[in-house]
């Protein structure tokens, strides 16, 4: 039994862990890097076509975003996730693919004039659609036998609709071990979603540490703080522009704004308009409504039981088409604009920043974590100008951070989660999904103050699950990661993956009839004759 760390080690995004046990290779998450990419991730230990299963904690792109690439490179195994996660992935992965295709097309238009080589998208919309056939919908709190020797269970993590910690039981040659992967642990007392559930026993735990070095600075009243920002900005005749994650954070904002309007907290502007400019956010909001009975907390359900949709209100406007999006900034009335992406690196929010960032009467309100290297982080840290669509834009708007609103548990919440293992304390705790210094600090806190055998592994590290001992130390050199294998072109990487899948298929046919195997060999040789150069 082996556990390998591939992504989100000493950095926050790109989560991926590998379990090798019971003759199977299993991934836990396969996420995309977002923002600054500090470490070059270790390669997967086997070709993609030889991976048997994937267990997905939740739908956020830094946990799920490379699943279509996995498919493109030959993975055909089952993907286990909660029902809501499956529904969200169907829209989020296609949206991600659309972004890859759009950006590749845009870069190629510019590159063609400069004589640069063609850039291929990381994966296509077709890949994102096809991989959904491999998803298996799972219920919370129900054990699932994946195969002989491997059983899993999803526990509500309270971070995002459908998010989960995953319990994994392994039984190999009479040796039994239980692993727990925290996923992203939710913040307590969030609007809409339930608080995280806690687990009491494990042998090995892999847990996140996004806010492992600090507690959230919570305002006494979210609604009061939000109301103050709206009133001050509207009084200046400005817009409140909110870069927001389309899934999760946007729905929380709608929940707050509905309350602000219901309680008439902005009496000077009783009919103020709120624009949600994100087709993905609109689809996600519908999925939230469909899964309210599984995931909403008691307070949200009280509204539902009164016949009130907690995510809708008078004055809520939506923009689906590009023309509808452009028209928002030609309306001079003060308004709230909620648009993705949450870190400002892609999507329609960049257009709204271009039109509002230079206006001192406007407010840019950040409501979520901003990774190192993102446009959002640069603005938040005081950049005097930023480049948008090739144009330098001055940063003269009011820049504010809604510090108390976070989908991630803070340091106290993380400690509450790990110290809930009271029936069986894990003999090994691995700290992942945190910035370099933060992950080390949190591991040190667990060692010195709570007496856990904790460490923050680097990408490429491999451990024996049975003993917790390290079998191979990972790479701690800081290098920029390239998605393409060995710096070769993306298309050639696809060809290599296709060849690796062919070898997997050949191995699966061992024991077939001589007639069938001979026919298969002739087909391969014919293909080789055609392409041998």
Protein backbone atom coordinates (compact mmCIF):
# COMPACT_ATOMS: atom_id res chain seq x y z
CA UNK A 1 0.00 0.00 0.00
CA UNK A 2 1.49 3.30 -1.12
CA UNK A 3 0.40 6.94 -0.99
CA UNK A 4 1.97 9.43 -3.40
CA UNK A 5 1.63 13.21 -3.38
CA UNK A 6 1.38 14.88 -6.79
CA UNK A 7 -0.34 18.27 -6.52
CA UNK A 8 -1.19 21.06 -4.03
CA UNK A 9 1.86 20.24 -1.91
CA UNK A 10 3.39 23.39 -0.39
CA UNK A 11 0.96 25.31 -2.64
CA UNK A 12 -2.78 25.81 -2.65
CA UNK A 13 -4.13 24.63 -5.98
CA UNK A 14 -3.87 21.59 -8.27
CA UNK A 15 -4.84 18.92 -5.73
CA UNK A 16 -3.91 15.33 -6.57
CA UNK A 17 -3.00 12.29 -4.48
CA UNK A 18 -2.38 8.72 -5.63
CA UNK A 19 -3.20 5.49 -3.77
CA UNK A 20 -1.66 2.21 -4.94
CA UNK A 21 -3.26 -0.73 -3.14
CA UNK A 22 -5.14 -3.98 -3.76
CA UNK A 23 -3.69 -4.14 -7.27
CA UNK A 24 -5.34 -0.83 -8.20
CA UNK A 25 -4.18 2.73 -8.89
CA UNK A 26 -6.57 5.35 -7.53
CA UNK A 27 -6.50 9.15 -7.63
CA UNK A 28 -8.03 11.47 -5.07
CA UNK A 29 -8.80 14.66 -7.03
CA UNK A 30 -7.08 15.84 -10.19
CA UNK A 31 -7.12 19.62 -10.06
CA UNK A 32 -5.84 22.47 -12.16
CA UNK A 33 -3.18 24.91 -11.00
CA UNK A 34 -4.47 28.45 -10.50
CA UNK A 35 -2.31 31.52 -10.00
CA UNK A 36 1.43 31.27 -9.40
CA UNK A 37 2.73 27.75 -9.95
CA UNK A 38 5.56 27.42 -7.42
CA UNK A 39 6.38 23.75 -7.77
CA UNK A 40 6.64 21.55 -10.80
CA UNK A 41 4.30 18.68 -10.01
CA UNK A 42 5.69 15.17 -10.13
CA UNK A 43 4.28 13.06 -12.97
CA UNK A 44 1.67 10.42 -12.27
CA UNK A 45 3.35 7.10 -11.42
CA UNK A 46 1.57 5.24 -14.25
CA UNK A 47 0.15 6.20 -17.66
CA UNK A 48 -3.31 7.72 -17.43
CA UNK A 49 -4.82 4.67 -19.12
CA UNK A 50 -3.65 2.47 -16.21
CA UNK A 51 -5.47 4.47 -13.51
CA UNK A 52 -8.42 2.46 -12.26
CA UNK A 53 -10.51 4.93 -10.22
CA UNK A 54 -10.76 8.56 -9.19
CA UNK A 55 -12.36 9.78 -5.95
CA UNK A 56 -13.41 13.45 -6.17
CA UNK A 57 -13.85 15.59 -3.04
CA UNK A 58 -15.68 18.46 -4.76
CA UNK A 59 -16.22 20.32 -8.02
CA UNK A 60 -13.94 23.35 -7.63
CA UNK A 61 -11.56 23.52 -10.58
CA UNK A 62 -8.43 23.30 -8.41
CA UNK A 63 -9.68 19.82 -7.45
CA UNK A 64 -11.46 18.66 -10.61
CA UNK A 65 -10.14 20.82 -13.45
CA UNK A 66 -7.78 18.34 -15.11
CA UNK A 67 -10.18 15.40 -15.21
CA UNK A 68 -10.97 16.02 -18.93
CA UNK A 69 -7.21 15.95 -19.61
CA UNK A 70 -7.07 12.60 -17.83
CA UNK A 71 -9.78 11.37 -20.19
CA UNK A 72 -8.00 12.80 -23.23
CA UNK A 73 -4.90 10.83 -22.27
CA UNK A 74 -6.67 7.50 -21.99
CA UNK A 75 -8.27 7.25 -18.53
CA UNK A 76 -11.51 5.24 -18.70
CA UNK A 77 -12.06 4.29 -15.05
CA UNK A 78 -14.94 5.24 -12.79
CA UNK A 79 -15.08 8.63 -11.04
CA UNK A 80 -16.85 8.54 -7.67
CA UNK A 81 -18.39 11.80 -6.36
CA UNK A 82 -21.50 13.02 -4.57
CA UNK A 83 -24.65 13.68 -6.57
CA UNK A 84 -24.30 17.47 -6.34
CA UNK A 85 -20.61 17.31 -7.29
CA UNK A 86 -21.49 15.32 -10.41
CA UNK A 87 -24.11 17.92 -11.38
CA UNK A 88 -21.70 20.81 -10.83
CA UNK A 89 -18.85 19.12 -12.71
CA UNK A 90 -21.07 18.74 -15.75
CA UNK A 91 -21.28 22.53 -16.11
CA UNK A 92 -17.93 23.53 -14.59
CA UNK A 93 -15.70 21.25 -16.64
CA UNK A 94 -17.37 22.33 -19.88
CA UNK A 95 -16.95 25.95 -18.84
CA UNK A 96 -13.28 25.30 -18.10
CA UNK A 97 -12.85 23.65 -21.52
CA UNK A 98 -14.49 26.63 -23.20
CA UNK A 99 -11.99 28.92 -21.47
CA UNK A 100 -9.06 26.75 -22.65
CA UNK A 101 -10.36 26.81 -26.23
CA UNK A 102 -11.10 30.54 -26.21
CA UNK A 103 -7.69 31.47 -24.78
CA UNK A 104 -5.87 29.20 -27.25
CA UNK A 105 -7.79 30.77 -30.14
CA UNK A 106 -7.02 34.29 -28.89
CA UNK A 107 -3.31 33.53 -28.42
CA UNK A 108 -3.12 31.90 -31.84
CA UNK A 109 -4.63 34.97 -33.52
CA UNK A 110 -1.94 37.12 -31.94
CA UNK A 111 0.79 34.52 -32.43
CA UNK A 112 0.07 34.07 -36.11
CA UNK A 113 1.03 37.67 -36.80
CA UNK A 114 4.28 37.13 -34.89
CA UNK A 115 5.05 33.83 -36.61
CA UNK A 116 4.63 31.79 -33.41
CA UNK A 117 3.68 28.11 -33.37
CA UNK A 118 0.07 27.03 -32.81
CA UNK A 119 -1.07 26.60 -29.19
CA UNK A 120 -3.46 23.77 -28.38
CA UNK A 121 -6.03 24.01 -25.55
CA UNK A 122 -5.26 21.84 -22.53
CA UNK A 123 -8.40 19.89 -23.38
CA UNK A 124 -11.57 20.40 -25.39
CA UNK A 125 -15.28 20.69 -24.68
CA UNK A 126 -15.69 17.24 -26.22
CA UNK A 127 -13.28 15.81 -23.61
CA UNK A 128 -15.28 17.48 -20.83
CA UNK A 129 -18.56 16.08 -22.15
CA UNK A 130 -17.25 12.56 -22.73
CA UNK A 131 -15.65 12.15 -19.30
CA UNK A 132 -18.99 12.75 -17.57
CA UNK A 133 -20.05 9.25 -18.64
CA UNK A 134 -17.53 7.89 -16.13
CA UNK A 135 -19.00 9.69 -13.09
CA UNK A 136 -20.76 7.58 -10.45
CA UNK A 137 -23.21 9.48 -8.22
CA UNK A 138 -22.80 8.69 -4.52
CA UNK A 139 -24.84 9.56 -1.43
CA UNK A 140 -23.41 11.04 1.75
CA UNK A 141 -22.83 8.67 4.68
CA UNK A 142 -23.16 5.49 2.66
CA UNK A 143 -20.34 2.96 2.26
CA UNK A 144 -19.52 2.00 -1.32
CA UNK A 145 -17.47 -1.07 -2.25
CA UNK A 146 -15.33 0.13 -5.13
CA UNK A 147 -13.63 -3.21 -5.73
CA UNK A 148 -12.29 -6.07 -3.66
CA UNK A 149 -10.34 -4.56 -0.77
CA UNK A 150 -11.39 -0.93 -1.36
CA UNK A 151 -14.40 0.75 0.28
CA UNK A 152 -15.16 4.49 0.40
CA UNK A 153 -17.65 6.83 2.06
CA UNK A 154 -18.39 10.53 1.47
CA UNK A 155 -18.83 12.78 4.52
CA UNK A 156 -20.23 16.33 4.19
CA UNK A 157 -17.30 18.78 4.35
CA UNK A 158 -19.49 21.92 4.38
CA UNK A 159 -17.28 23.77 1.89
CA UNK A 160 -19.29 23.75 -1.33
CA UNK A 161 -22.52 22.17 -2.49
CA UNK A 162 -21.70 18.45 -2.64
CA UNK A 163 -18.25 18.81 -1.08
CA UNK A 164 -16.95 15.89 0.93
CA UNK A 165 -14.21 14.43 3.00
CA UNK A 166 -13.56 10.90 1.79
CA UNK A 167 -13.00 7.88 4.01
CA UNK A 168 -11.07 5.09 2.29
CA UNK A 169 -10.78 1.60 3.78
CA UNK A 170 -8.07 -0.65 2.32
CA UNK A 171 -7.70 -4.37 2.93
CA UNK A 172 -4.68 -5.93 1.22
CA UNK A 173 -3.48 -9.42 2.09
CA UNK A 174 -5.06 -9.23 5.54
CA UNK A 175 -3.64 -5.78 6.33
CA UNK A 176 -6.34 -3.17 6.95
CA UNK A 177 -5.83 0.58 6.95
CA UNK A 178 -8.18 3.55 6.91
CA UNK A 179 -7.27 6.79 5.13
CA UNK A 180 -9.20 10.05 5.35
CA UNK A 181 -8.85 12.83 2.78
CA UNK A 182 -10.28 16.04 4.15
CA UNK A 183 -10.90 17.78 0.83
CA UNK A 184 -11.53 21.45 1.56
CA UNK A 185 -13.02 21.82 5.04
CA UNK A 186 -15.88 24.29 5.27
CA UNK A 187 -16.04 27.35 7.48
CA UNK A 188 -18.46 27.24 10.40
CA UNK A 189 -21.75 29.14 10.24
CA UNK A 190 -21.66 29.77 6.51
CA UNK A 191 -24.89 30.86 4.88
CA UNK A 192 -26.87 28.23 2.96
CA UNK A 193 -24.69 25.15 3.59
CA UNK A 194 -24.49 22.86 6.58
CA UNK A 195 -21.43 22.91 8.84
CA UNK A 196 -18.85 20.17 8.18
CA UNK A 197 -19.38 16.75 9.69
CA UNK A 198 -16.56 15.29 11.77
CA UNK A 199 -14.83 11.91 11.58
CA UNK A 200 -13.63 10.06 14.68
CA UNK A 201 -11.09 7.49 13.51
CA UNK A 202 -8.36 6.97 10.91
CA UNK A 203 -4.89 5.55 10.46
CA UNK A 204 -3.70 8.18 7.97
CA UNK A 205 -5.14 11.64 7.33
CA UNK A 206 -4.44 13.97 4.40
CA UNK A 207 -5.80 17.42 5.23
CA UNK A 208 -5.87 20.90 3.76
CA UNK A 209 -4.25 23.95 5.37
CA UNK A 210 -5.34 26.95 3.31
CA UNK A 211 -5.80 29.13 6.41
CA UNK A 212 -3.60 27.07 8.69
CA UNK A 213 -1.71 30.10 10.03
CA UNK A 214 -4.59 32.43 10.95
CA UNK A 215 -8.19 32.82 12.02
CA UNK A 216 -10.72 34.70 9.93
CA UNK A 217 -11.38 38.34 10.78
CA UNK A 218 -15.14 38.11 10.98
CA UNK A 219 -17.24 41.27 11.02
CA UNK A 220 -19.94 41.15 13.67
CA UNK A 221 -22.63 41.10 11.00
CA UNK A 222 -22.02 40.16 7.35
CA UNK A 223 -25.20 41.87 6.23
CA UNK A 224 -24.37 45.08 8.10
CA UNK A 225 -20.85 45.20 6.62
CA UNK A 226 -22.13 44.51 3.11
CA UNK A 227 -24.87 47.13 3.48
CA UNK A 228 -22.31 49.76 4.50
CA UNK A 229 -20.21 49.07 1.39
CA UNK A 230 -23.26 49.27 -0.88
CA UNK A 231 -24.54 52.55 0.61
CA UNK A 232 -21.14 54.28 0.54
CA UNK A 233 -20.48 53.24 -3.06
CA UNK A 234 -23.94 54.19 -4.33
CA UNK A 235 -23.61 57.58 -2.59
CA UNK A 236 -20.54 58.22 -4.75
CA UNK A 237 -22.62 57.16 -7.79
CA UNK A 238 -20.37 54.16 -8.28
CA UNK A 239 -20.77 50.46 -8.92
CA UNK A 240 -19.92 47.64 -6.52
CA UNK A 241 -17.99 45.15 -8.67
CA UNK A 242 -17.52 41.74 -7.09
CA UNK A 243 -15.14 39.18 -8.61
CA UNK A 244 -16.82 36.03 -7.39
CA UNK A 245 -16.46 32.31 -7.86
CA UNK A 246 -19.46 31.30 -9.93
CA UNK A 247 -20.15 28.26 -7.78
CA UNK A 248 -20.59 28.73 -4.05
CA UNK A 249 -19.58 32.30 -3.38
CA UNK A 250 -22.05 33.86 -5.84
CA UNK A 251 -24.93 31.99 -4.23
CA UNK A 252 -23.85 33.20 -0.77
CA UNK A 253 -23.83 36.80 -2.01
CA UNK A 254 -27.34 36.42 -3.43
CA UNK A 255 -28.42 35.06 -0.04
CA UNK A 256 -27.06 38.19 1.71
CA UNK A 257 -28.48 40.63 -0.84
CA UNK A 258 -31.95 39.06 -0.57
CA UNK A 259 -31.86 39.76 3.16
CA UNK A 260 -30.61 43.33 2.63
CA UNK A 261 -33.49 44.01 0.25
CA UNK A 262 -36.11 42.28 2.40
CA UNK A 263 -35.10 44.33 5.43
CA UNK A 264 -34.88 47.56 3.36
CA UNK A 265 -31.38 48.29 4.62
CA UNK A 266 -30.61 50.62 1.69
CA UNK A 267 -33.72 52.85 1.81
CA UNK A 268 -32.12 55.53 -0.41
CA UNK A 269 -31.95 52.99 -3.25
CA UNK A 270 -34.83 50.56 -2.57
CA UNK A 271 -34.89 49.22 -6.13
CA UNK A 272 -31.15 48.86 -6.74
CA UNK A 273 -30.25 46.30 -9.36
CA UNK A 274 -27.92 43.35 -9.02
CA UNK A 275 -26.39 41.81 -12.14
CA UNK A 276 -25.10 38.27 -12.16
CA UNK A 277 -22.90 38.21 -15.25
CA UNK A 278 -21.90 34.59 -15.47
CA UNK A 279 -23.80 31.87 -17.35
CA UNK A 280 -22.00 29.33 -15.16
CA UNK A 281 -23.20 31.04 -11.98
CA UNK A 282 -26.78 30.99 -13.25
CA UNK A 283 -26.63 27.27 -13.99
CA UNK A 284 -24.96 26.60 -10.65
CA UNK A 285 -27.69 28.51 -8.81
CA UNK A 286 -30.28 26.20 -10.35
CA UNK A 287 -28.25 23.17 -9.19
CA UNK A 288 -28.13 24.64 -5.67
CA UNK A 289 -31.92 24.84 -5.72
CA UNK A 290 -32.24 21.24 -6.95
CA UNK A 291 -30.07 19.90 -4.10
CA UNK A 292 -31.32 22.09 -1.26
CA UNK A 293 -32.80 19.21 0.73
CA UNK A 294 -29.45 17.38 0.89
CA UNK A 295 -27.15 20.33 1.52
CA UNK A 296 -28.93 23.46 2.87
CA UNK A 297 -28.67 24.31 6.57
CA UNK A 298 -31.63 24.81 8.93
CA UNK A 299 -31.82 28.59 8.46
CA UNK A 300 -31.95 28.34 4.67
CA UNK A 301 -34.51 25.55 4.89
CA UNK A 302 -36.75 27.71 7.10
CA UNK A 303 -37.04 30.13 4.16
CA UNK A 304 -37.65 27.29 1.72
CA UNK A 305 -40.43 25.91 3.93
CA UNK A 306 -42.06 29.36 3.90
CA UNK A 307 -42.09 29.30 0.11
CA UNK A 308 -39.17 31.74 -0.18
CA UNK A 309 -36.32 31.05 -2.57
CA UNK A 310 -33.28 32.25 -0.56
CA UNK A 311 -31.32 33.00 -3.76
CA UNK A 312 -33.81 35.20 -5.64
CA UNK A 313 -35.27 38.69 -5.16
CA UNK A 314 -36.67 41.75 -6.98
CA UNK A 315 -34.05 43.59 -9.00
CA UNK A 316 -31.97 40.51 -9.76
CA UNK A 317 -30.79 40.73 -13.37
CA UNK A 318 -28.88 38.17 -15.39
CA UNK A 319 -26.55 38.43 -18.36
CA UNK A 320 -26.18 35.35 -20.52
CA UNK A 321 -25.03 36.63 -23.91
CA UNK A 322 -21.96 38.71 -24.61
CA UNK A 323 -24.13 41.65 -25.70
CA UNK A 324 -26.06 41.54 -22.41
CA UNK A 325 -22.76 41.56 -20.54
CA UNK A 326 -21.43 44.58 -22.46
CA UNK A 327 -24.65 46.52 -21.91
CA UNK A 328 -24.21 46.46 -18.11
CA UNK A 329 -21.46 49.09 -18.15
CA UNK A 330 -23.43 51.42 -20.45
CA UNK A 331 -26.10 51.79 -17.76
CA UNK A 332 -25.10 54.74 -15.56
CA UNK A 333 -27.22 53.79 -12.53
CA UNK A 334 -25.28 52.56 -9.47
CA UNK A 335 -25.51 48.80 -9.29
CA UNK A 336 -23.91 45.62 -8.01
CA UNK A 337 -22.08 43.52 -10.61
CA UNK A 338 -21.20 39.95 -9.65
CA UNK A 339 -19.01 38.21 -12.22
CA UNK A 340 -16.48 35.40 -12.54
CA UNK A 341 -13.72 34.44 -12.25
CA UNK A 342 -13.17 34.92 -8.54
CA UNK A 343 -9.42 35.56 -8.90
CA UNK A 344 -9.87 37.82 -11.96
CA UNK A 345 -7.67 35.68 -14.21
CA UNK A 346 -10.31 34.84 -16.81
CA UNK A 347 -13.92 35.39 -17.76
CA UNK A 348 -16.18 38.43 -17.92
CA UNK A 349 -14.92 40.02 -14.68
CA UNK A 350 -11.90 41.33 -16.58
CA UNK A 351 -14.20 43.45 -18.78
CA UNK A 352 -15.97 44.87 -15.72
CA UNK A 353 -12.62 45.69 -14.13
CA UNK A 354 -11.57 47.49 -17.31
CA UNK A 355 -14.69 49.70 -17.09
CA UNK A 356 -14.70 50.28 -13.32
CA UNK A 357 -11.22 49.85 -11.87
CA UNK A 358 -10.09 53.36 -12.87
CA UNK A 359 -13.20 55.07 -11.42
CA UNK A 360 -12.65 56.42 -7.84
CA UNK A 361 -16.40 56.31 -7.16
CA UNK A 362 -16.53 52.51 -7.62
CA UNK A 363 -15.69 49.70 -5.22
CA UNK A 364 -14.01 46.44 -6.16
CA UNK A 365 -15.06 44.02 -3.44
CA UNK A 366 -13.10 40.79 -3.07
CA UNK A 367 -14.99 37.99 -1.35
CA UNK A 368 -12.67 35.01 -1.65
CA UNK A 369 -9.11 33.76 -1.46
CA UNK A 370 -6.71 35.23 -4.05
CA UNK A 371 -3.82 32.93 -4.98
CA UNK A 372 -0.29 34.21 -5.44
CA UNK A 373 0.29 35.37 -9.00
CA UNK A 374 -3.36 36.13 -9.82
CA UNK A 375 -4.65 39.47 -11.03
CA UNK A 376 -6.92 39.61 -7.99
CA UNK A 377 -3.96 39.20 -5.61
CA UNK A 378 -2.07 42.00 -7.42
CA UNK A 379 -5.01 44.41 -7.10
CA UNK A 380 -5.60 43.46 -3.47
CA UNK A 381 -1.93 44.04 -2.61
CA UNK A 382 -1.99 47.59 -4.00
CA UNK A 383 -0.80 47.44 -7.61
CA UNK A 384 -1.10 51.03 -8.97
CA UNK A 385 -1.88 49.79 -12.46
CA UNK A 386 -2.80 46.48 -14.07
CA UNK A 387 -2.82 45.31 -17.67
CA UNK A 388 -6.17 44.26 -19.11
CA UNK A 389 -6.51 43.24 -22.75
CA UNK A 390 -3.15 44.81 -23.52
CA UNK A 391 -4.07 48.16 -21.95
CA UNK A 392 -2.67 49.68 -18.74
CA UNK A 393 -5.55 50.48 -16.37
CA UNK A 394 -5.10 52.66 -13.28
CA UNK A 395 -6.34 51.28 -9.99
CA UNK A 396 -8.30 54.22 -8.54
CA UNK A 397 -11.43 52.44 -7.31
CA UNK A 398 -11.89 51.62 -3.62
CA UNK A 399 -10.43 48.16 -3.04
CA UNK A 400 -11.99 46.18 -0.21
CA UNK A 401 -11.81 42.64 1.05
CA UNK A 402 -14.76 40.97 2.71
CA UNK A 403 -12.47 39.17 5.13
CA UNK A 404 -15.06 37.34 7.13
CA UNK A 405 -16.62 35.49 4.21
CA UNK A 406 -14.70 32.35 3.41
CA UNK A 407 -15.64 28.86 2.35
CA UNK A 408 -12.52 27.47 4.06
CA UNK A 409 -12.13 26.68 7.72
CA UNK A 410 -9.65 28.93 9.50
CA UNK A 411 -6.89 27.69 11.79
CA UNK A 412 -9.31 27.09 14.67
CA UNK A 413 -11.71 25.26 12.36
CA UNK A 414 -8.94 23.04 11.01
CA UNK A 415 -7.77 22.16 14.52
CA UNK A 416 -11.38 21.38 15.53
CA UNK A 417 -11.60 19.01 12.55
CA UNK A 418 -8.34 17.11 13.17
CA UNK A 419 -8.81 16.88 16.96
CA UNK A 420 -12.21 15.24 16.40
CA UNK A 421 -10.37 11.96 15.69
CA UNK A 422 -10.97 10.78 19.24
CA UNK A 423 -11.82 7.10 18.78
CA UNK A 424 -8.62 6.43 16.88
CA UNK A 425 -5.95 9.08 16.54
CA UNK A 426 -4.16 8.86 13.16
CA UNK A 427 -0.54 7.76 13.32
CA UNK A 428 0.27 10.01 10.37
CA UNK A 429 -1.16 13.39 9.28
CA UNK A 430 -0.10 14.88 5.96
CA UNK A 431 -0.61 18.62 5.47
CA UNK A 432 -1.39 19.75 1.92
CA UNK A 433 -3.26 22.51 0.07
CA UNK A 434 -1.52 25.44 1.77
CA UNK A 435 1.08 27.99 0.74
CA UNK A 436 4.68 26.96 1.37
CA UNK A 437 5.20 28.60 4.77
CA UNK A 438 1.58 28.07 5.88
CA UNK A 439 1.65 24.30 5.37
CA UNK A 440 4.91 24.00 7.31
CA UNK A 441 3.61 26.20 10.12
CA UNK A 442 0.41 24.22 10.46
CA UNK A 443 2.27 20.90 10.47
CA UNK A 444 4.54 22.29 13.20
CA UNK A 445 1.49 23.40 15.22
CA UNK A 446 0.01 19.90 15.07
CA UNK A 447 3.34 18.36 16.12
CA UNK A 448 4.24 20.67 18.99
CA UNK A 449 0.83 21.59 20.41
CA UNK A 450 -1.35 18.56 19.63
CA UNK A 451 1.26 15.77 19.38
CA UNK A 452 0.35 14.48 15.94
CA UNK A 453 2.97 12.88 13.72
CA UNK A 454 2.44 15.55 11.07
CA UNK A 455 4.42 16.73 8.07
CA UNK A 456 3.94 18.69 4.86
CA UNK A 457 5.20 16.52 1.96
CA UNK A 458 6.56 17.84 -1.31
CA UNK A 459 5.26 16.74 -4.68
CA UNK A 460 6.68 13.35 -5.64
CA UNK A 461 6.90 12.07 -2.07
CA UNK A 462 5.81 8.45 -1.59
CA UNK A 463 4.84 6.84 1.73
CA UNK A 464 4.10 3.33 2.92
CA UNK A 465 0.49 3.42 4.11
CA UNK A 466 0.97 0.45 6.45
CA UNK A 467 3.80 2.07 8.45
CA UNK A 468 3.67 5.76 7.53
CA UNK A 469 7.35 5.67 6.55
CA UNK A 470 8.66 7.67 3.63
CA UNK A 471 9.74 5.57 0.63
CA UNK A 472 10.81 8.48 -1.60
CA UNK A 473 11.27 12.17 -0.87
CA UNK A 474 9.72 14.58 -3.34
CA UNK A 475 11.20 17.48 -5.21
CA UNK A 476 11.55 20.73 -3.28
CA UNK A 477 13.15 22.69 -6.11
CA UNK A 478 11.07 25.71 -7.11
CA UNK A 479 10.49 25.48 -10.81
CA UNK A 480 7.74 26.62 -13.11
CA UNK A 481 5.49 23.75 -14.07
CA UNK A 482 4.69 23.02 -17.69
CA UNK A 483 1.48 21.13 -18.39
CA UNK A 484 3.08 19.49 -21.44
CA UNK A 485 5.06 16.36 -20.74
CA UNK A 486 8.83 16.95 -20.81
CA UNK A 487 8.29 20.37 -22.44
CA UNK A 488 7.08 18.78 -25.65
CA UNK A 489 4.07 20.07 -27.58
CA UNK A 490 0.59 19.36 -26.21
CA UNK A 491 -0.40 17.49 -29.36
CA UNK A 492 2.68 15.24 -29.22
CA UNK A 493 1.90 14.61 -25.53
CA UNK A 494 -1.53 13.39 -26.62
CA UNK A 495 0.14 11.02 -29.08
CA UNK A 496 2.40 9.62 -26.35
CA UNK A 497 -0.64 9.13 -24.10
CA UNK A 498 -2.44 7.34 -26.92
CA UNK A 499 0.53 4.99 -27.24
CA UNK A 500 0.50 4.34 -23.50
CA UNK A 501 -3.20 3.57 -23.66
CA UNK A 502 -2.55 1.14 -26.51
CA UNK A 503 -0.12 -0.75 -24.29
CA UNK A 504 -2.76 -0.84 -21.53
CA UNK A 505 -5.30 -2.29 -23.98
CA UNK A 506 -2.75 -4.87 -25.20
CA UNK A 507 -2.16 -6.02 -21.60
CA UNK A 508 -5.91 -6.28 -21.01
CA UNK A 509 -6.16 -8.65 -23.98
CA UNK A 510 -3.69 -11.17 -22.59
CA UNK A 511 -5.31 -14.58 -22.69
CA UNK A 512 -7.45 -13.82 -25.74
CA UNK A 513 -7.79 -16.24 -28.64
CA UNK A 514 -4.89 -16.53 -31.07
CA UNK A 515 -7.19 -15.42 -33.88
CA UNK A 516 -8.23 -12.20 -32.12
CA UNK A 517 -4.71 -11.41 -30.91
CA UNK A 518 -3.30 -11.98 -34.39
CA UNK A 519 -5.91 -9.67 -35.90
CA UNK A 520 -5.12 -7.00 -33.29
CA UNK A 521 -1.37 -7.29 -34.03
CA UNK A 522 -1.99 -6.97 -37.78
CA UNK A 523 -4.05 -3.80 -37.20
CA UNK A 524 -1.29 -2.25 -35.08
CA UNK A 525 1.40 -3.14 -37.63
CA UNK A 526 -0.72 -1.71 -40.44
CA UNK A 527 -1.06 1.54 -38.51
CA UNK A 528 2.69 1.60 -37.84
CA UNK A 529 3.45 1.03 -41.54
CA UNK A 530 1.30 4.04 -42.40
CA UNK A 531 2.98 6.40 -39.93
CA UNK A 532 6.56 5.05 -39.69
CA UNK A 533 8.84 7.87 -40.77
